[in-house]
């Protein structure tokens, strides 16, 4: 399938990564087995994924992504054990060479200004409202609930064959202000593919 993503979806050339390393990293992550991995460790893995995903996403300039003095904001809406893992990991780990702030969102009005919004399963009842707020904003939405990708969440975790995998709503990505590398799309299960 040949898709023209000239405007929204780009392949970023970075001299520090070969094509092999880029695709190998994502493939490795998408195939990690969950056998013998505790539920707590799955959340650690998901937390690490967020930084890996960010390497394949381009945010527009208005999101202040190029300003090293402005933090990278990961917001979490809903109740999930992931929050504690994010706080621990990103107290040290940077994203896009920026310090990371983890925000717990309790009100839909607090979503704006996030770079990544993780949507917990407990927000299933509010998912339509959340998507209505985020779909035109430069926010990478990530979920972990069956059906979230079909609702418009850009990346959604799921488990299959005892492995942690992810799916991407390609149509929602194309309509968003974000640009996503083909390498990431090529490593995911595609939901609502863009027609040629």
Foldseek 3Di string as FASTA:
>chain_A
DDDDLPPFAAADDDPVDDPCRLLVVLLCLQFDFQVVPDPLNVLLSVLVVVLNQLVFKDFDCVLVLVPQVDAAEEEEEDDDSSQVSNVVVQVPDGHSNHRYDYHYDPDLVPPPSHQEYEYEPRCVVVLLVNCVVQLAPNYQYEYADPPSQVSQRAKYWDDDPRGIHIEGAQVSSSSYNMYGYVSNNVSHHYDPHDDD
